[in-house]
Amino acid sequence: MSNPIPSVSELTLLKALWKQQPLSAREIHDAAADELAWSFSSTRKTLDRMLDKDMIAVHVMHGVNVYSARLDKVGTLAAFAHDFGRRVMELDAPLPVAMFTGSKLVDQQELSRIEQMLNDWPDDEAEQP
């Protein structure tokens, strides 16, 4: 469960890639435009930081750089939910998986995997910064 926890803006770009990949920087920017309302250069800088953090990969397709998510969607969402529950809500128990019900981002099988990951999260890992 060593997925890094992305920032909110990084998560927005990852969600675009999880829905469809690979995508060019322009396609990612367009997919995230409503949520982020950024300039294209801000999207590019964030993609560069995400490359440095090994959250995404880049390769050339038909002469254009295209990006793919390297972070597993389910593991990342479980880590994000675990961190939110522990740090923000100050919960000692896992968040209820019902909070994901109705999500357009995960299907029933992924929901089951998230629930399992949250329930199996090691207690000692919650104490690490």
N, C-alpha and C. Protein backbone atom coordinates (compact mmCIF):
# COMPACT_ATOMS: atom_id res chain seq x y z
N MET A 1 0.82 -1.18 0.00
CA MET A 1 0.00 0.00 0.00
C MET A 1 0.87 1.25 0.00
N SER A 2 1.88 1.25 -0.80
CA SER A 2 2.81 2.36 -0.77
C SER A 2 2.53 3.39 -1.85
N ASN A 3 1.29 3.46 -2.32
CA ASN A 3 0.94 4.48 -3.29
C ASN A 3 1.13 5.85 -2.67
N PRO A 4 1.82 6.76 -3.39
CA PRO A 4 1.89 8.12 -2.87
C PRO A 4 0.51 8.76 -2.95
N ILE A 5 0.25 9.68 -2.04
CA ILE A 5 -1.03 10.37 -2.04
C ILE A 5 -0.90 11.61 -2.91
N PRO A 6 -1.60 11.65 -4.02
CA PRO A 6 -1.50 12.82 -4.90
C PRO A 6 -2.19 14.03 -4.29
N SER A 7 -1.76 15.21 -4.73
CA SER A 7 -2.48 16.43 -4.34
C SER A 7 -3.83 16.40 -5.04
N VAL A 8 -4.69 17.32 -4.67
CA VAL A 8 -6.02 17.38 -5.28
C VAL A 8 -5.90 17.63 -6.79
N SER A 9 -5.01 18.52 -7.19
CA SER A 9 -4.86 18.80 -8.62
C SER A 9 -4.25 17.61 -9.35
N GLU A 10 -3.28 16.93 -8.74
CA GLU A 10 -2.71 15.72 -9.35
C GLU A 10 -3.77 14.64 -9.50
N LEU A 11 -4.63 14.52 -8.49
CA LEU A 11 -5.70 13.53 -8.54
C LEU A 11 -6.66 13.83 -9.69
N THR A 12 -6.92 15.10 -9.94
CA THR A 12 -7.80 15.48 -11.05
C THR A 12 -7.21 15.01 -12.39
N LEU A 13 -5.91 15.20 -12.57
CA LEU A 13 -5.27 14.76 -13.81
C LEU A 13 -5.23 13.24 -13.89
N LEU A 14 -4.99 12.58 -12.77
CA LEU A 14 -5.01 11.11 -12.76
C LEU A 14 -6.39 10.58 -13.12
N LYS A 15 -7.43 11.20 -12.61
CA LYS A 15 -8.79 10.74 -12.93
C LYS A 15 -9.04 10.81 -14.43
N ALA A 16 -8.55 11.85 -15.08
CA ALA A 16 -8.70 11.94 -16.54
C ALA A 16 -8.01 10.76 -17.22
N LEU A 17 -6.82 10.41 -16.71
CA LEU A 17 -6.08 9.28 -17.31
C LEU A 17 -6.72 7.94 -16.98
N TRP A 18 -7.26 7.79 -15.79
CA TRP A 18 -7.90 6.53 -15.44
C TRP A 18 -9.14 6.28 -16.29
N LYS A 19 -9.79 7.34 -16.72
CA LYS A 19 -10.98 7.19 -17.56
C LYS A 19 -10.61 6.81 -18.99
N GLN A 20 -9.47 7.33 -19.46
CA GLN A 20 -9.03 7.03 -20.83
C GLN A 20 -7.55 7.36 -20.92
N GLN A 21 -6.78 6.40 -21.37
CA GLN A 21 -5.35 6.64 -21.56
C GLN A 21 -4.82 5.81 -22.71
N PRO A 22 -3.77 6.22 -23.34
CA PRO A 22 -2.98 7.42 -23.06
C PRO A 22 -3.66 8.67 -23.62
N LEU A 23 -3.27 9.81 -23.05
CA LEU A 23 -3.78 11.10 -23.50
C LEU A 23 -2.61 12.08 -23.65
N SER A 24 -2.77 13.00 -24.59
CA SER A 24 -1.77 14.07 -24.74
C SER A 24 -1.99 15.08 -23.62
N ALA A 25 -1.02 15.96 -23.42
CA ALA A 25 -1.14 17.01 -22.42
C ALA A 25 -2.37 17.87 -22.70
N ARG A 26 -2.62 18.17 -23.94
CA ARG A 26 -3.78 18.98 -24.32
C ARG A 26 -5.08 18.26 -23.97
N GLU A 27 -5.14 16.96 -24.24
CA GLU A 27 -6.34 16.19 -23.92
C GLU A 27 -6.57 16.12 -22.41
N ILE A 28 -5.50 15.95 -21.65
CA ILE A 28 -5.61 15.94 -20.18
C ILE A 28 -6.09 17.31 -19.70
N HIS A 29 -5.49 18.36 -20.25
CA HIS A 29 -5.88 19.72 -19.87
C HIS A 29 -7.37 19.95 -20.16
N ASP A 30 -7.82 19.56 -21.32
CA ASP A 30 -9.22 19.75 -21.69
C ASP A 30 -10.15 18.94 -20.78
N ALA A 31 -9.75 17.72 -20.43
CA ALA A 31 -10.57 16.87 -19.57
C ALA A 31 -10.69 17.45 -18.15
N ALA A 32 -9.66 18.15 -17.70
CA ALA A 32 -9.64 18.70 -16.34
C ALA A 32 -10.03 20.17 -16.29
N ALA A 33 -10.33 20.77 -17.43
CA ALA A 33 -10.56 22.22 -17.50
C ALA A 33 -11.67 22.71 -16.59
N ASP A 34 -12.79 22.02 -16.54
CA ASP A 34 -13.91 22.48 -15.71
C ASP A 34 -13.57 22.44 -14.23
N GLU A 35 -12.81 21.43 -13.82
CA GLU A 35 -12.49 21.27 -12.41
C GLU A 35 -11.34 22.18 -11.97
N LEU A 36 -10.35 22.38 -12.83
CA LEU A 36 -9.16 23.13 -12.43
C LEU A 36 -9.13 24.58 -12.91
N ALA A 37 -9.72 24.86 -14.06
CA ALA A 37 -9.72 26.22 -14.63
C ALA A 37 -8.30 26.81 -14.67
N TRP A 38 -7.37 26.02 -15.17
CA TRP A 38 -5.96 26.39 -15.25
C TRP A 38 -5.59 26.82 -16.65
N SER A 39 -4.41 27.44 -16.74
CA SER A 39 -3.79 27.66 -18.04
C SER A 39 -3.16 26.33 -18.48
N PHE A 40 -2.92 26.20 -19.77
CA PHE A 40 -2.29 24.99 -20.28
C PHE A 40 -0.89 24.82 -19.68
N SER A 41 -0.16 25.91 -19.49
CA SER A 41 1.19 25.81 -18.92
C SER A 41 1.16 25.26 -17.50
N SER A 42 0.12 25.57 -16.72
CA SER A 42 0.00 25.01 -15.37
C SER A 42 -0.22 23.50 -15.42
N THR A 43 -1.02 23.07 -16.39
CA THR A 43 -1.23 21.63 -16.56
C THR A 43 0.09 20.95 -16.91
N ARG A 44 0.84 21.54 -17.84
CA ARG A 44 2.13 20.97 -18.24
C ARG A 44 3.10 20.89 -17.06
N LYS A 45 3.16 21.93 -16.25
CA LYS A 45 4.06 21.92 -15.07
C LYS A 45 3.66 20.82 -14.10
N THR A 46 2.36 20.66 -13.89
CA THR A 46 1.90 19.62 -12.99
C THR A 46 2.22 18.24 -13.55
N LEU A 47 2.05 18.05 -14.85
CA LEU A 47 2.41 16.77 -15.48
C LEU A 47 3.91 16.51 -15.31
N ASP A 48 4.75 17.53 -15.46
CA ASP A 48 6.19 17.36 -15.27
C ASP A 48 6.50 16.93 -13.83
N ARG A 49 5.84 17.55 -12.85
CA ARG A 49 6.05 17.16 -11.44
C ARG A 49 5.59 15.73 -11.20
N MET A 50 4.48 15.36 -11.83
CA MET A 50 3.96 14.00 -11.68
C MET A 50 4.90 12.98 -12.32
N LEU A 51 5.55 13.36 -13.41
CA LEU A 51 6.56 12.49 -14.03
C LEU A 51 7.73 12.30 -13.07
N ASP A 52 8.18 13.40 -12.44
CA ASP A 52 9.28 13.33 -11.48
C ASP A 52 8.94 12.43 -10.29
N LYS A 53 7.68 12.42 -9.90
CA LYS A 53 7.22 11.61 -8.77
C LYS A 53 6.88 10.18 -9.19
N ASP A 54 7.02 9.88 -10.49
CA ASP A 54 6.72 8.57 -11.04
C ASP A 54 5.24 8.19 -10.92
N MET A 55 4.37 9.20 -10.91
CA MET A 55 2.92 8.95 -10.87
C MET A 55 2.37 8.64 -12.25
N ILE A 56 3.05 9.16 -13.28
CA ILE A 56 2.63 8.96 -14.66
C ILE A 56 3.85 8.60 -15.51
N ALA A 57 3.58 8.10 -16.68
CA ALA A 57 4.64 7.79 -17.65
C ALA A 57 4.33 8.55 -18.93
N VAL A 58 5.36 8.79 -19.73
CA VAL A 58 5.18 9.48 -21.00
C VAL A 58 5.88 8.68 -22.09
N HIS A 59 5.28 8.64 -23.26
CA HIS A 59 5.93 8.07 -24.42
C HIS A 59 5.42 8.82 -25.66
N VAL A 60 6.10 8.62 -26.77
CA VAL A 60 5.74 9.33 -27.99
C VAL A 60 4.86 8.43 -28.86
N MET A 61 3.74 8.99 -29.30
CA MET A 61 2.83 8.27 -30.19
C MET A 61 2.49 9.21 -31.35
N HIS A 62 2.86 8.80 -32.55
CA HIS A 62 2.61 9.62 -33.74
C HIS A 62 3.22 11.02 -33.60
N GLY A 63 4.39 11.08 -32.97
CA GLY A 63 5.09 12.35 -32.83
C GLY A 63 4.59 13.24 -31.71
N VAL A 64 3.69 12.74 -30.87
CA VAL A 64 3.13 13.54 -29.77
C VAL A 64 3.40 12.80 -28.46
N ASN A 65 3.81 13.55 -27.43
CA ASN A 65 3.95 12.96 -26.11
C ASN A 65 2.57 12.62 -25.57
N VAL A 66 2.42 11.38 -25.12
CA VAL A 66 1.17 10.95 -24.49
C VAL A 66 1.50 10.39 -23.12
N TYR A 67 0.56 10.54 -22.21
CA TYR A 67 0.76 10.19 -20.81
C TYR A 67 -0.16 9.06 -20.40
N SER A 68 0.32 8.23 -19.48
CA SER A 68 -0.45 7.15 -18.89
C SER A 68 -0.23 7.19 -17.39
N ALA A 69 -1.25 6.78 -16.66
CA ALA A 69 -1.13 6.71 -15.20
C ALA A 69 -0.26 5.52 -14.82
N ARG A 70 0.66 5.74 -13.91
CA ARG A 70 1.46 4.65 -13.34
C ARG A 70 0.87 4.21 -12.01
N LEU A 71 0.13 5.11 -11.37
CA LEU A 71 -0.50 4.77 -10.10
C LEU A 71 -1.78 3.99 -10.35
N ASP A 72 -1.93 2.93 -9.61
CA ASP A 72 -3.14 2.12 -9.66
C ASP A 72 -4.32 2.92 -9.11
N LYS A 73 -5.41 2.94 -9.84
CA LYS A 73 -6.58 3.72 -9.42
C LYS A 73 -7.10 3.27 -8.06
N VAL A 74 -7.33 2.00 -7.89
CA VAL A 74 -7.93 1.50 -6.65
C VAL A 74 -7.00 1.75 -5.46
N GLY A 75 -5.73 1.44 -5.62
CA GLY A 75 -4.77 1.65 -4.53
C GLY A 75 -4.64 3.12 -4.16
N THR A 76 -4.65 3.98 -5.16
CA THR A 76 -4.53 5.41 -4.92
C THR A 76 -5.76 5.95 -4.21
N LEU A 77 -6.94 5.54 -4.67
CA LEU A 77 -8.17 5.99 -4.03
C LEU A 77 -8.28 5.47 -2.60
N ALA A 78 -7.86 4.24 -2.38
CA ALA A 78 -7.87 3.69 -1.02
C ALA A 78 -6.90 4.46 -0.12
N ALA A 79 -5.71 4.78 -0.63
CA ALA A 79 -4.73 5.55 0.15
C ALA A 79 -5.27 6.95 0.45
N PHE A 80 -5.92 7.56 -0.53
CA PHE A 80 -6.50 8.89 -0.35
C PHE A 80 -7.59 8.84 0.71
N ALA A 81 -8.47 7.85 0.63
CA ALA A 81 -9.56 7.70 1.60
C ALA A 81 -9.01 7.40 2.99
N HIS A 82 -7.99 6.55 3.06
CA HIS A 82 -7.38 6.22 4.35
C HIS A 82 -6.77 7.47 4.99
N ASP A 83 -6.04 8.22 4.19
CA ASP A 83 -5.41 9.45 4.68
C ASP A 83 -6.47 10.45 5.13
N PHE A 84 -7.53 10.62 4.36
CA PHE A 84 -8.60 11.53 4.71
C PHE A 84 -9.26 11.11 6.03
N GLY A 85 -9.56 9.84 6.15
CA GLY A 85 -10.19 9.35 7.37
C GLY A 85 -9.32 9.54 8.60
N ARG A 86 -8.04 9.28 8.44
CA ARG A 86 -7.12 9.37 9.58
C ARG A 86 -6.78 10.81 9.93
N ARG A 87 -6.34 11.59 8.93
CA ARG A 87 -5.84 12.94 9.21
C ARG A 87 -6.95 13.98 9.32
N VAL A 88 -7.94 13.91 8.47
CA VAL A 88 -8.98 14.94 8.46
C VAL A 88 -10.09 14.61 9.44
N MET A 89 -10.61 13.39 9.36
CA MET A 89 -11.74 13.01 10.20
C MET A 89 -11.33 12.42 11.55
N GLU A 90 -10.03 12.15 11.73
CA GLU A 90 -9.48 11.59 12.98
C GLU A 90 -10.18 10.29 13.36
N LEU A 91 -10.34 9.42 12.37
CA LEU A 91 -10.97 8.12 12.58
C LEU A 91 -9.90 7.06 12.82
N ASP A 92 -10.16 6.16 13.73
CA ASP A 92 -9.26 5.02 13.94
C ASP A 92 -9.70 3.82 13.11
N ALA A 93 -10.96 3.78 12.73
CA ALA A 93 -11.50 2.69 11.93
C ALA A 93 -11.55 3.12 10.46
N PRO A 94 -11.60 2.17 9.54
CA PRO A 94 -11.68 2.53 8.12
C PRO A 94 -12.96 3.30 7.80
N LEU A 95 -12.87 4.17 6.82
CA LEU A 95 -14.05 4.85 6.32
C LEU A 95 -15.01 3.82 5.75
N PRO A 96 -16.31 4.04 5.87
CA PRO A 96 -17.25 3.10 5.27
C PRO A 96 -17.18 3.19 3.74
N VAL A 97 -17.17 2.04 3.10
CA VAL A 97 -17.07 2.01 1.64
C VAL A 97 -18.30 2.63 1.00
N ALA A 98 -19.36 2.81 1.76
CA ALA A 98 -20.58 3.44 1.24
C ALA A 98 -20.30 4.85 0.72
N MET A 99 -19.23 5.48 1.20
CA MET A 99 -18.92 6.83 0.73
C MET A 99 -18.57 6.83 -0.76
N PHE A 100 -18.21 5.68 -1.32
CA PHE A 100 -17.88 5.58 -2.74
C PHE A 100 -19.09 5.19 -3.60
N THR A 101 -20.18 4.80 -2.98
CA THR A 101 -21.36 4.35 -3.71
C THR A 101 -21.88 5.47 -4.61
N GLY A 102 -22.17 5.13 -5.84
CA GLY A 102 -22.65 6.12 -6.79
C GLY A 102 -21.52 6.83 -7.53
N SER A 103 -20.28 6.49 -7.23
CA SER A 103 -19.14 7.11 -7.90
C SER A 103 -19.12 6.72 -9.38
N LYS A 104 -18.80 7.68 -10.22
CA LYS A 104 -18.64 7.41 -11.65
C LYS A 104 -17.23 6.94 -11.95
N LEU A 105 -16.36 6.97 -10.93
CA LEU A 105 -14.96 6.63 -11.12
C LEU A 105 -14.65 5.15 -10.88
N VAL A 106 -15.47 4.48 -10.06
CA VAL A 106 -15.19 3.07 -9.73
C VAL A 106 -16.41 2.21 -10.00
N ASP A 107 -16.14 0.98 -10.43
CA ASP A 107 -17.23 0.02 -10.63
C ASP A 107 -17.36 -0.86 -9.39
N GLN A 108 -18.29 -1.78 -9.40
CA GLN A 108 -18.56 -2.60 -8.22
C GLN A 108 -17.35 -3.45 -7.81
N GLN A 109 -16.64 -4.00 -8.79
CA GLN A 109 -15.47 -4.81 -8.48
C GLN A 109 -14.38 -3.95 -7.83
N GLU A 110 -14.15 -2.75 -8.36
CA GLU A 110 -13.16 -1.84 -7.77
C GLU A 110 -13.60 -1.39 -6.39
N LEU A 111 -14.89 -1.19 -6.20
CA LEU A 111 -15.43 -0.82 -4.90
C LEU A 111 -15.13 -1.90 -3.86
N SER A 112 -15.28 -3.14 -4.26
CA SER A 112 -14.97 -4.26 -3.36
C SER A 112 -13.48 -4.29 -3.01
N ARG A 113 -12.63 -4.02 -3.99
CA ARG A 113 -11.18 -3.97 -3.73
C ARG A 113 -10.83 -2.83 -2.79
N ILE A 114 -11.46 -1.68 -2.97
CA ILE A 114 -11.20 -0.54 -2.07
C ILE A 114 -11.60 -0.90 -0.65
N GLU A 115 -12.77 -1.51 -0.51
CA GLU A 115 -13.23 -1.90 0.82
C GLU A 115 -12.24 -2.86 1.48
N GLN A 116 -11.76 -3.84 0.72
CA GLN A 116 -10.81 -4.79 1.26
C GLN A 116 -9.51 -4.10 1.67
N MET A 117 -9.02 -3.20 0.83
CA MET A 117 -7.77 -2.48 1.14
C MET A 117 -7.93 -1.62 2.39
N LEU A 118 -9.05 -0.94 2.52
CA LEU A 118 -9.27 -0.09 3.70
C LEU A 118 -9.37 -0.93 4.97
N ASN A 119 -10.04 -2.08 4.88
CA ASN A 119 -10.18 -2.95 6.05
C ASN A 119 -8.87 -3.62 6.43
N ASP A 120 -8.00 -3.85 5.45
CA ASP A 120 -6.73 -4.55 5.71
C ASP A 120 -5.56 -3.60 5.99
N TRP A 121 -5.81 -2.30 6.02
CA TRP A 121 -4.72 -1.34 6.18
C TRP A 121 -3.97 -1.61 7.49
N PRO A 122 -2.65 -1.74 7.43
CA PRO A 122 -1.89 -2.02 8.65
C PRO A 122 -1.99 -0.86 9.65
N ASP A 123 -2.21 -1.19 10.93
CA ASP A 123 -2.31 -0.18 11.97
C ASP A 123 -1.03 0.63 12.12
N ASP A 124 0.14 -0.03 12.01
CA ASP A 124 1.39 0.68 12.21
C ASP A 124 1.65 1.67 11.08
N GLU A 125 1.10 1.44 9.88
CA GLU A 125 1.30 2.37 8.77
C GLU A 125 0.54 3.67 9.03
N ALA A 126 -0.54 3.61 9.78
CA ALA A 126 -1.31 4.81 10.10
C ALA A 126 -0.51 5.76 10.99
N GLU A 127 0.48 5.26 11.69
CA GLU A 127 1.27 6.09 12.59
C GLU A 127 2.42 6.78 11.88
N GLN A 128 2.74 6.36 10.67
CA GLN A 128 3.86 6.96 9.94
C GLN A 128 3.46 8.31 9.37
N PRO A 129 4.39 9.27 9.33
CA PRO A 129 4.06 10.59 8.77
C PRO A 129 3.82 10.55 7.29
